């Protein structure tokens, strides 16, 4: 499953996945990307879901979602860009 980070934000910005799904975020923007769970800046909602560093254009980050629930995330480098992951 792939989510693209663009100059307009995450595309798609909300998806449903099954537990165990691997989601890859690819930076197709002109900015840096650092994917992390909400809330900014603490990332405490799902602390393991944190890229821990930024990547430039065409950089990527993959995460395996195993905990069910609705998880908000954002780009730590531009916290207004947000998305949601629903894990069933």
C-alpha atoms as a PDB file:
ATOM      1  CA  UNK A   1       0.000   0.000   0.000  1.00  0.00           C
ATOM      2  CA  UNK A   2       1.480   3.333  -1.033  1.00  0.00           C
ATOM      3  CA  UNK A   3       0.716   6.863   0.095  1.00  0.00           C
ATOM      4  CA  UNK A   4       2.370   9.740  -1.727  1.00  0.00           C
ATOM      5  CA  UNK A   5       3.409  12.945  -0.019  1.00  0.00           C
ATOM      6  CA  UNK A   6       2.939  15.809  -2.496  1.00  0.00           C
ATOM      7  CA  UNK A   7       3.127  19.587  -2.304  1.00  0.00           C
ATOM      8  CA  UNK A   8      -0.632  19.403  -1.569  1.00  0.00           C
ATOM      9  CA  UNK A   9      -0.255  16.879   1.282  1.00  0.00           C
ATOM     10  CA  UNK A  10      -0.770  13.119   1.606  1.00  0.00           C
ATOM     11  CA  UNK A  11      -2.545  11.301  -1.245  1.00  0.00           C
ATOM     12  CA  UNK A  12      -4.737   9.569  -0.289  1.00  0.00           C
ATOM     13  CA  UNK A  13      -4.968  11.231   3.088  1.00  0.00           C
ATOM     14  CA  UNK A  14      -7.268   8.616   4.652  1.00  0.00           C
ATOM     15  CA  UNK A  15      -7.272   4.864   4.057  1.00  0.00           C
ATOM     16  CA  UNK A  16      -8.418   1.621   5.659  1.00  0.00           C
ATOM     17  CA  UNK A  17      -6.028  -1.313   5.954  1.00  0.00           C
ATOM     18  CA  UNK A  18      -6.018  -4.700   7.633  1.00  0.00           C
ATOM     19  CA  UNK A  19      -3.808  -5.374  10.607  1.00  0.00           C
ATOM     20  CA  UNK A  20      -0.418  -6.498   9.343  1.00  0.00           C
ATOM     21  CA  UNK A  21      -0.481  -4.241   6.281  1.00  0.00           C
ATOM     22  CA  UNK A  22       2.757  -2.568   5.244  1.00  0.00           C
ATOM     23  CA  UNK A  23       2.211   1.032   4.172  1.00  0.00           C
ATOM     24  CA  UNK A  24       4.931   2.905   2.291  1.00  0.00           C
ATOM     25  CA  UNK A  25       5.027   6.691   2.208  1.00  0.00           C
ATOM     26  CA  UNK A  26       6.917   8.185  -0.763  1.00  0.00           C
ATOM     27  CA  UNK A  27       7.986  11.809  -0.864  1.00  0.00           C
ATOM     28  CA  UNK A  28       6.931  13.278  -4.217  1.00  0.00           C
ATOM     29  CA  UNK A  29       7.012  16.838  -2.899  1.00  0.00           C
ATOM     30  CA  UNK A  30       9.548  19.648  -3.066  1.00  0.00           C
ATOM     31  CA  UNK A  31       9.764  19.600   0.766  1.00  0.00           C
ATOM     32  CA  UNK A  32      11.183  17.248   3.371  1.00  0.00           C
ATOM     33  CA  UNK A  33       8.982  14.437   4.727  1.00  0.00           C
ATOM     34  CA  UNK A  34       9.023  12.966   8.248  1.00  0.00           C
ATOM     35  CA  UNK A  35       5.939  10.818   8.823  1.00  0.00           C
ATOM     36  CA  UNK A  36       4.849  10.482  12.455  1.00  0.00           C
ATOM     37  CA  UNK A  37       1.725   9.706  14.453  1.00  0.00           C
ATOM     38  CA  UNK A  38      -0.312  12.469  16.074  1.00  0.00           C
ATOM     39  CA  UNK A  39      -0.142  14.554  18.041  1.00  0.00           C
ATOM     40  CA  UNK A  40       2.502  17.002  16.910  1.00  0.00           C
ATOM     41  CA  UNK A  41       5.174  17.335  18.227  1.00  0.00           C
ATOM     42  CA  UNK A  42       5.092  14.434  20.717  1.00  0.00           C
ATOM     43  CA  UNK A  43       3.940  11.590  18.410  1.00  0.00           C
ATOM     44  CA  UNK A  44       2.364   9.793  21.384  1.00  0.00           C
ATOM     45  CA  UNK A  45      -0.788   8.445  19.710  1.00  0.00           C
ATOM     46  CA  UNK A  46       1.108   5.506  18.176  1.00  0.00           C
ATOM     47  CA  UNK A  47       4.746   6.133  19.205  1.00  0.00           C
ATOM     48  CA  UNK A  48       6.307   3.362  17.087  1.00  0.00           C
ATOM     49  CA  UNK A  49       4.808   5.000  13.980  1.00  0.00           C
ATOM     50  CA  UNK A  50       7.559   7.616  13.653  1.00  0.00           C
ATOM     51  CA  UNK A  51      10.024   7.923  10.809  1.00  0.00           C
ATOM     52  CA  UNK A  52      12.553   9.508  13.238  1.00  0.00           C
ATOM     53  CA  UNK A  53      14.234  11.513  10.462  1.00  0.00           C
ATOM     54  CA  UNK A  54      13.337  13.504   7.409  1.00  0.00           C
ATOM     55  CA  UNK A  55      13.903  12.459   3.807  1.00  0.00           C
ATOM     56  CA  UNK A  56      14.018  14.506   0.636  1.00  0.00           C
ATOM     57  CA  UNK A  57      12.322  14.022  -2.683  1.00  0.00           C
ATOM     58  CA  UNK A  58      11.788  10.341  -3.616  1.00  0.00           C
ATOM     59  CA  UNK A  59      12.726   9.280  -0.083  1.00  0.00           C
ATOM     60  CA  UNK A  60      10.412   6.759   1.538  1.00  0.00           C
ATOM     61  CA  UNK A  61       9.276   5.319   4.847  1.00  0.00           C
ATOM     62  CA  UNK A  62       7.476   2.011   5.436  1.00  0.00           C
ATOM     63  CA  UNK A  63       5.549   0.939   8.519  1.00  0.00           C
ATOM     64  CA  UNK A  64       3.689  -2.264   9.387  1.00  0.00           C
ATOM     65  CA  UNK A  65       0.384  -1.495  11.112  1.00  0.00           C
ATOM     66  CA  UNK A  66      -0.469  -4.208  13.656  1.00  0.00           C
ATOM     67  CA  UNK A  67      -2.493  -2.283  16.250  1.00  0.00           C
ATOM     68  CA  UNK A  68      -6.144  -1.814  15.299  1.00  0.00           C
ATOM     69  CA  UNK A  69      -7.750   1.586  15.596  1.00  0.00           C
ATOM     70  CA  UNK A  70      -7.940   4.952  13.893  1.00  0.00           C
ATOM     71  CA  UNK A  71      -4.532   6.619  13.801  1.00  0.00           C
ATOM     72  CA  UNK A  72      -3.883  10.208  12.822  1.00  0.00           C
ATOM     73  CA  UNK A  73      -0.507  11.119  11.336  1.00  0.00           C
ATOM     74  CA  UNK A  74       1.295  14.173   9.985  1.00  0.00           C
ATOM     75  CA  UNK A  75       4.477  15.389   8.353  1.00  0.00           C
ATOM     76  CA  UNK A  76       6.617  16.480  11.298  1.00  0.00           C
ATOM     77  CA  UNK A  77       8.404  18.942   8.992  1.00  0.00           C
ATOM     78  CA  UNK A  78       5.087  20.584   7.991  1.00  0.00           C
ATOM     79  CA  UNK A  79       2.585  19.644  10.709  1.00  0.00           C
ATOM     80  CA  UNK A  80      -0.418  21.056   8.847  1.00  0.00           C
ATOM     81  CA  UNK A  81      -0.187  18.155   6.394  1.00  0.00           C
ATOM     82  CA  UNK A  82      -2.152  15.339   8.012  1.00  0.00           C
ATOM     83  CA  UNK A  83      -3.784  12.029   7.258  1.00  0.00           C
ATOM     84  CA  UNK A  84      -5.605   9.139   8.908  1.00  0.00           C
ATOM     85  CA  UNK A  85      -5.040   5.386   8.919  1.00  0.00           C
ATOM     86  CA  UNK A  86      -7.870   3.073   9.956  1.00  0.00           C
ATOM     87  CA  UNK A  87      -6.517  -0.353  10.864  1.00  0.00           C
ATOM     88  CA  UNK A  88      -9.067  -3.181  11.093  1.00  0.00           C
END
